[in-house]
Amino acid sequence: QMCSFVQGMQKRADAWSALEIRAGVHTGVVLAGVVGTRKYSYDVFGKTNIIANLLESEGQPSHVHISKDTEQLVNESLVCTQHKSLTLDDGSTMLTYLVAPHNNNTQV
């Protein structure tokens, strides 16, 4: 839906034509909490968050880049195509996928 929104905005006005979006999604455990002593901020920590950030930064504009763990959860409701393997900080590799765009009539 995020990519559909951006594509729709690109068609509507020249000011939006340069707008591109990338998203990275990974499934796993996170630690969340409030940090700071004077100015409070809510943040999310952990390997899951780091992997999602890597997926976003290694993704393609106007696409949602997901991990194998996420693909296994959504493969019955979304069309996913294998994209590439990423090397993580610990030296392991992870197979990744791109979510295919869908029309607005499809329910997710």
Protein backbone atom coordinates (compact mmCIF):
# COMPACT_ATOMS: atom_id res chain seq x y z
CA GLN A 1 0.00 0.00 0.00
CA MET A 2 2.90 2.36 0.69
CA CYS A 3 4.32 1.89 -2.79
CA SER A 4 0.86 2.26 -4.37
CA PHE A 5 0.43 5.59 -2.55
CA VAL A 6 3.77 6.92 -3.80
CA GLN A 7 3.06 5.78 -7.37
CA GLY A 8 -0.35 7.49 -7.23
CA MET A 9 1.18 10.73 -5.96
CA GLN A 10 3.86 10.62 -8.68
CA LYS A 11 1.11 10.58 -11.32
CA ARG A 12 -0.83 13.47 -9.75
CA ALA A 13 1.67 16.31 -9.57
CA ASP A 14 5.12 17.19 -10.85
CA ALA A 15 6.19 18.09 -7.32
CA TRP A 16 5.80 14.43 -6.31
CA SER A 17 7.43 12.95 -9.41
CA ALA A 18 10.85 12.65 -7.73
CA LEU A 19 9.43 10.96 -4.61
CA GLU A 20 10.58 7.39 -4.11
CA ILE A 21 10.12 5.11 -1.13
CA ARG A 22 11.94 2.01 0.08
CA ALA A 23 10.82 -0.17 2.96
CA GLY A 24 12.53 -3.04 4.75
CA VAL A 25 10.59 -5.55 6.84
CA HIS A 26 11.96 -8.34 9.04
CA THR A 27 10.11 -10.52 11.52
CA GLY A 28 11.53 -11.23 14.96
CA VAL A 29 11.97 -10.16 18.54
CA VAL A 30 12.68 -6.52 19.46
CA LEU A 31 13.34 -4.61 22.64
CA ALA A 32 11.53 -1.28 22.89
CA GLY A 33 11.63 1.41 25.50
CA VAL A 34 11.93 5.03 26.49
CA VAL A 35 15.43 6.52 26.46
CA GLY A 36 16.71 9.84 27.76
CA THR A 37 16.61 11.73 31.05
CA ARG A 38 15.64 15.21 29.90
CA LYS A 39 14.06 14.71 26.51
CA TYR A 40 12.33 11.35 26.33
CA SER A 41 12.33 9.32 23.15
CA TYR A 42 10.78 5.97 22.32
CA ASP A 43 13.08 3.62 20.42
CA VAL A 44 13.31 0.02 19.21
CA PHE A 45 16.49 -2.03 19.57
CA GLY A 46 17.81 -5.42 18.56
CA LYS A 47 18.97 -7.58 15.70
CA THR A 48 15.49 -7.56 14.10
CA ASN A 49 15.57 -3.77 13.85
CA ILE A 50 19.11 -3.80 12.44
CA ILE A 51 18.11 -6.34 9.76
CA ALA A 52 15.00 -4.33 8.81
CA ASN A 53 17.21 -1.24 8.43
CA LEU A 54 19.65 -3.20 6.24
CA LEU A 55 16.77 -4.43 4.08
CA GLU A 56 15.56 -0.86 3.61
CA SER A 57 19.00 0.50 2.72
CA GLU A 58 19.74 -2.38 0.32
CA GLY A 59 16.28 -2.25 -1.26
CA GLN A 60 15.14 -0.77 -4.53
CA PRO A 61 13.12 2.45 -4.81
CA SER A 62 9.35 1.89 -4.89
CA HIS A 63 9.70 -1.64 -3.47
CA VAL A 64 9.24 -3.38 -0.14
CA HIS A 65 12.26 -5.58 0.64
CA ILE A 66 11.58 -8.43 3.09
CA SER A 67 13.51 -11.19 4.81
CA LYS A 68 12.95 -14.93 4.41
CA ASP A 69 11.30 -15.01 7.86
CA THR A 70 8.76 -12.40 6.77
CA GLU A 71 8.24 -14.05 3.37
CA GLN A 72 7.26 -17.29 5.10
CA LEU A 73 4.51 -15.41 6.97
CA VAL A 74 3.08 -13.48 4.01
CA ASN A 75 3.63 -15.82 1.05
CA GLU A 76 -0.03 -16.90 0.93
CA SER A 77 -1.36 -13.34 0.76
CA LEU A 78 1.37 -11.45 -1.16
CA VAL A 79 3.37 -12.25 -4.27
CA CYS A 80 7.07 -12.19 -3.45
CA THR A 81 10.01 -12.63 -5.78
CA GLN A 82 13.44 -13.75 -4.65
CA HIS A 83 15.82 -10.79 -4.75
CA LYS A 84 19.32 -11.42 -3.39
CA SER A 85 21.36 -12.67 -0.46
CA LEU A 86 22.60 -10.15 2.09
CA THR A 87 25.61 -10.64 4.33
CA LEU A 88 24.85 -9.73 7.94
CA ASP A 89 27.28 -8.28 10.49
CA ASP A 90 27.91 -11.71 12.02
CA GLY A 91 29.01 -13.11 8.62
CA SER A 92 25.86 -15.12 7.98
CA THR A 93 23.82 -14.65 4.82
CA MET A 94 20.09 -14.08 4.46
CA LEU A 95 17.93 -14.66 1.41
CA THR A 96 15.67 -11.69 0.69
CA TYR A 97 12.57 -11.00 -1.39
CA LEU A 98 10.77 -8.09 -3.01
CA VAL A 99 7.02 -7.78 -2.57
CA ALA A 100 5.28 -7.48 -5.93
CA PRO A 101 2.95 -4.50 -6.31
CA HIS A 102 -0.73 -5.38 -6.15
CA ASN A 103 -3.82 -3.59 -7.36
CA ASN A 104 -5.99 -1.67 -4.91
CA ASN A 105 -8.73 -4.31 -5.01
CA THR A 106 -6.51 -6.93 -3.36
CA GLN A 107 -6.99 -7.27 0.39
CA VAL A 108 -3.92 -8.00 2.47
